[in-house]
C-alpha atoms as a PDB file:
ATOM      1  CA  MET A   1      14.766   7.720 -19.217  1.00  0.00           C
ATOM      2  CA  SER A   2      17.828  10.092 -20.159  1.00  0.00           C
ATOM      3  CA  PRO A   3      21.371   7.967 -20.723  1.00  0.00           C
ATOM      4  CA  THR A   4      23.272  10.158 -18.011  1.00  0.00           C
ATOM      5  CA  THR A   5      22.574   9.838 -14.271  1.00  0.00           C
ATOM      6  CA  PRO A   6      21.592  13.314 -13.013  1.00  0.00           C
ATOM      7  CA  ASP A   7      23.563  14.779  -9.528  1.00  0.00           C
ATOM      8  CA  ARG A   8      21.825  13.939  -6.584  1.00  0.00           C
ATOM      9  CA  GLY A   9      18.921  16.561  -5.992  1.00  0.00           C
ATOM     10  CA  ALA A  10      18.739  17.418  -9.549  1.00  0.00           C
ATOM     11  CA  SER A  11      15.608  16.082 -11.770  1.00  0.00           C
ATOM     12  CA  PRO A  12      16.086  14.854 -15.168  1.00  0.00           C
ATOM     13  CA  ALA A  13      13.809  16.731 -17.961  1.00  0.00           C
ATOM     14  CA  LEU A  14      11.285  14.248 -19.294  1.00  0.00           C
ATOM     15  CA  GLY A  15      10.439  14.224 -22.974  1.00  0.00           C
ATOM     16  CA  ARG A  16       8.063  12.421 -24.996  1.00  0.00           C
ATOM     17  CA  GLN A  17      10.256   9.693 -25.511  1.00  0.00           C
ATOM     18  CA  ASP A  18      10.859   9.233 -22.106  1.00  0.00           C
ATOM     19  CA  ILE A  19       7.110   9.266 -21.373  1.00  0.00           C
ATOM     20  CA  ALA A  20       6.254   6.745 -24.158  1.00  0.00           C
ATOM     21  CA  HIS A  21       8.995   4.628 -23.087  1.00  0.00           C
ATOM     22  CA  LEU A  22       7.714   4.717 -19.485  1.00  0.00           C
ATOM     23  CA  ALA A  23       3.843   4.010 -21.463  1.00  0.00           C
ATOM     24  CA  ARG A  24       5.261   1.055 -23.099  1.00  0.00           C
ATOM     25  CA  LEU A  25       6.976  -0.516 -20.202  1.00  0.00           C
ATOM     26  CA  ALA A  26       3.641   0.179 -18.355  1.00  0.00           C
ATOM     27  CA  ARG A  27       1.482  -1.099 -21.249  1.00  0.00           C
ATOM     28  CA  LEU A  28      -0.371   2.047 -21.606  1.00  0.00           C
ATOM     29  CA  ALA A  29      -1.622   3.378 -24.717  1.00  0.00           C
ATOM     30  CA  VAL A  30      -1.306   6.890 -24.530  1.00  0.00           C
ATOM     31  CA  THR A  31      -2.013   9.927 -26.959  1.00  0.00           C
ATOM     32  CA  ASP A  32       0.182  12.664 -28.105  1.00  0.00           C
ATOM     33  CA  GLU A  33      -1.677  14.998 -26.030  1.00  0.00           C
ATOM     34  CA  GLU A  34      -1.543  12.633 -23.221  1.00  0.00           C
ATOM     35  CA  LEU A  35       2.203  12.556 -23.729  1.00  0.00           C
ATOM     36  CA  ASP A  36       2.775  16.272 -23.461  1.00  0.00           C
ATOM     37  CA  ARG A  37       0.361  16.544 -20.412  1.00  0.00           C
ATOM     38  CA  PHE A  38       2.334  13.506 -18.719  1.00  0.00           C
ATOM     39  CA  ALA A  39       5.855  14.963 -19.433  1.00  0.00           C
ATOM     40  CA  GLY A  40       4.699  18.099 -17.470  1.00  0.00           C
ATOM     41  CA  GLN A  41       3.180  16.022 -14.489  1.00  0.00           C
ATOM     42  CA  LEU A  42       6.031  13.674 -14.131  1.00  0.00           C
ATOM     43  CA  GLY A  43       8.477  16.552 -14.130  1.00  0.00           C
ATOM     44  CA  ALA A  44       6.951  18.287 -11.484  1.00  0.00           C
ATOM     45  CA  VAL A  45       6.916  15.062  -9.407  1.00  0.00           C
ATOM     46  CA  LEU A  46      10.313  14.572 -10.117  1.00  0.00           C
ATOM     47  CA  ASP A  47      11.227  18.266  -9.172  1.00  0.00           C
ATOM     48  CA  ALA A  48       9.112  17.742  -6.015  1.00  0.00           C
ATOM     49  CA  VAL A  49      11.176  14.557  -5.039  1.00  0.00           C
ATOM     50  CA  ALA A  50      14.467  16.390  -5.755  1.00  0.00           C
ATOM     51  CA  GLN A  51      13.416  19.013  -3.262  1.00  0.00           C
ATOM     52  CA  VAL A  52      12.927  16.479  -0.805  1.00  0.00           C
ATOM     53  CA  GLN A  53      16.285  14.845  -1.347  1.00  0.00           C
ATOM     54  CA  ARG A  54      18.049  18.083  -0.736  1.00  0.00           C
ATOM     55  CA  ALA A  55      16.710  18.359   2.590  1.00  0.00           C
ATOM     56  CA  ASP A  56      19.184  18.219   5.346  1.00  0.00           C
ATOM     57  CA  VAL A  57      18.561  14.704   7.223  1.00  0.00           C
ATOM     58  CA  GLU A  58      21.925  14.291   8.632  1.00  0.00           C
ATOM     59  CA  ASP A  59      20.870  14.999  12.453  1.00  0.00           C
ATOM     60  CA  VAL A  60      17.284  13.254  12.061  1.00  0.00           C
ATOM     61  CA  ALA A  61      16.910   9.726  13.562  1.00  0.00           C
ATOM     62  CA  PRO A  62      15.032   7.207  11.162  1.00  0.00           C
ATOM     63  CA  MET A  63      11.230   6.629  12.283  1.00  0.00           C
ATOM     64  CA  THR A  64       8.314   4.476  11.123  1.00  0.00           C
ATOM     65  CA  HIS A  65       5.905   7.134  11.862  1.00  0.00           C
ATOM     66  CA  ALA A  66       5.863  11.192  12.014  1.00  0.00           C
ATOM     67  CA  VAL A  67       4.279  11.320  15.297  1.00  0.00           C
ATOM     68  CA  PRO A  68       4.594   8.970  18.069  1.00  0.00           C
ATOM     69  CA  LEU A  69       1.824   6.236  18.403  1.00  0.00           C
ATOM     70  CA  THR A  70      -0.077   5.248  21.332  1.00  0.00           C
ATOM     71  CA  ASN A  71      -1.561   1.785  22.033  1.00  0.00           C
ATOM     72  CA  VAL A  72      -5.512   2.888  22.624  1.00  0.00           C
ATOM     73  CA  LEU A  73      -6.522  -0.943  22.900  1.00  0.00           C
ATOM     74  CA  ARG A  74      -7.447  -2.320  26.383  1.00  0.00           C
ATOM     75  CA  ASP A  75      -5.373  -4.858  28.065  1.00  0.00           C
ATOM     76  CA  ASP A  76      -5.854  -8.554  26.946  1.00  0.00           C
ATOM     77  CA  VAL A  77      -7.297 -10.037  30.274  1.00  0.00           C
ATOM     78  CA  ALA A  78      -9.096 -13.167  29.971  1.00  0.00           C
ATOM     79  CA  THR A  79     -12.762 -12.452  31.295  1.00  0.00           C
ATOM     80  CA  PRO A  80     -15.588 -15.324  31.687  1.00  0.00           C
ATOM     81  CA  CYS A  81     -17.239 -16.057  28.559  1.00  0.00           C
ATOM     82  CA  LEU A  82     -20.942 -17.349  27.784  1.00  0.00           C
ATOM     83  CA  PRO A  83     -21.633 -20.905  28.293  1.00  0.00           C
ATOM     84  CA  ARG A  84     -20.872 -23.256  25.229  1.00  0.00           C
ATOM     85  CA  ASP A  85     -24.821 -24.478  25.405  1.00  0.00           C
ATOM     86  CA  ALA A  86     -26.021 -20.874  25.307  1.00  0.00           C
ATOM     87  CA  VAL A  87     -23.837 -19.914  22.212  1.00  0.00           C
ATOM     88  CA  LEU A  88     -24.719 -23.047  20.423  1.00  0.00           C
ATOM     89  CA  ALA A  89     -28.674 -22.499  20.945  1.00  0.00           C
ATOM     90  CA  GLY A  90     -28.197 -19.403  18.967  1.00  0.00           C
ATOM     91  CA  ALA A  91     -26.690 -21.500  15.777  1.00  0.00           C
ATOM     92  CA  PRO A  92     -28.225 -22.602  12.971  1.00  0.00           C
ATOM     93  CA  ALA A  93     -26.974 -26.011  13.244  1.00  0.00           C
ATOM     94  CA  ALA A  94     -24.861 -27.762  15.886  1.00  0.00           C
ATOM     95  CA  GLU A  95     -23.488 -30.902  16.308  1.00  0.00           C
ATOM     96  CA  ASP A  96     -21.154 -32.726  19.159  1.00  0.00           C
ATOM     97  CA  GLY A  97     -20.861 -29.405  20.932  1.00  0.00           C
ATOM     98  CA  ARG A  98     -19.662 -27.510  17.995  1.00  0.00           C
ATOM     99  CA  PHE A  99     -20.732 -25.569  14.980  1.00  0.00           C
ATOM    100  CA  ARG A 100     -22.362 -27.656  12.265  1.00  0.00           C
ATOM    101  CA  VAL A 101     -21.258 -26.045   8.644  1.00  0.00           C
ATOM    102  CA  PRO A 102     -21.332 -27.074   5.077  1.00  0.00           C
ATOM    103  CA  ARG A 103     -18.472 -28.629   3.597  1.00  0.00           C
ATOM    104  CA  ILE A 104     -16.627 -26.909   1.237  1.00  0.00           C
ATOM    105  CA  LEU A 105     -14.025 -27.582  -1.683  1.00  0.00           C
ATOM    106  CA  GLY A 106     -15.294 -31.289  -1.893  1.00  0.00           C
ATOM    107  CA  GLU A 107     -13.489 -32.164   1.287  1.00  0.00           C
ATOM    108  CA  GLU A 108     -13.826 -35.730   2.901  1.00  0.00           C
ATOM    109  CA  GLU A 109     -15.647 -36.415   6.184  1.00  0.00           C
END
């Protein structure tokens, strides 16, 4: 990146050296052709960010979403469930009123 700090809203020009440096930091192998292409692409991204930074947001309240969200879930109300015996009857294996599952990770009994 360039050694000088740009003014707020102004995007710094990215050269081949800047892109090569970023690629080295990211441990990416890039060709000379890619360096030229990426310089233009990253420059366009920085220009877009600079344009957003110039937006007047003084009177805009911070928000978590661009549009209001409405909870569409039903109320969490307890309802009767199946009897334990009926549920365990459909299990491949049951023991002591619980599902029986294979032991994992060498656990002790």
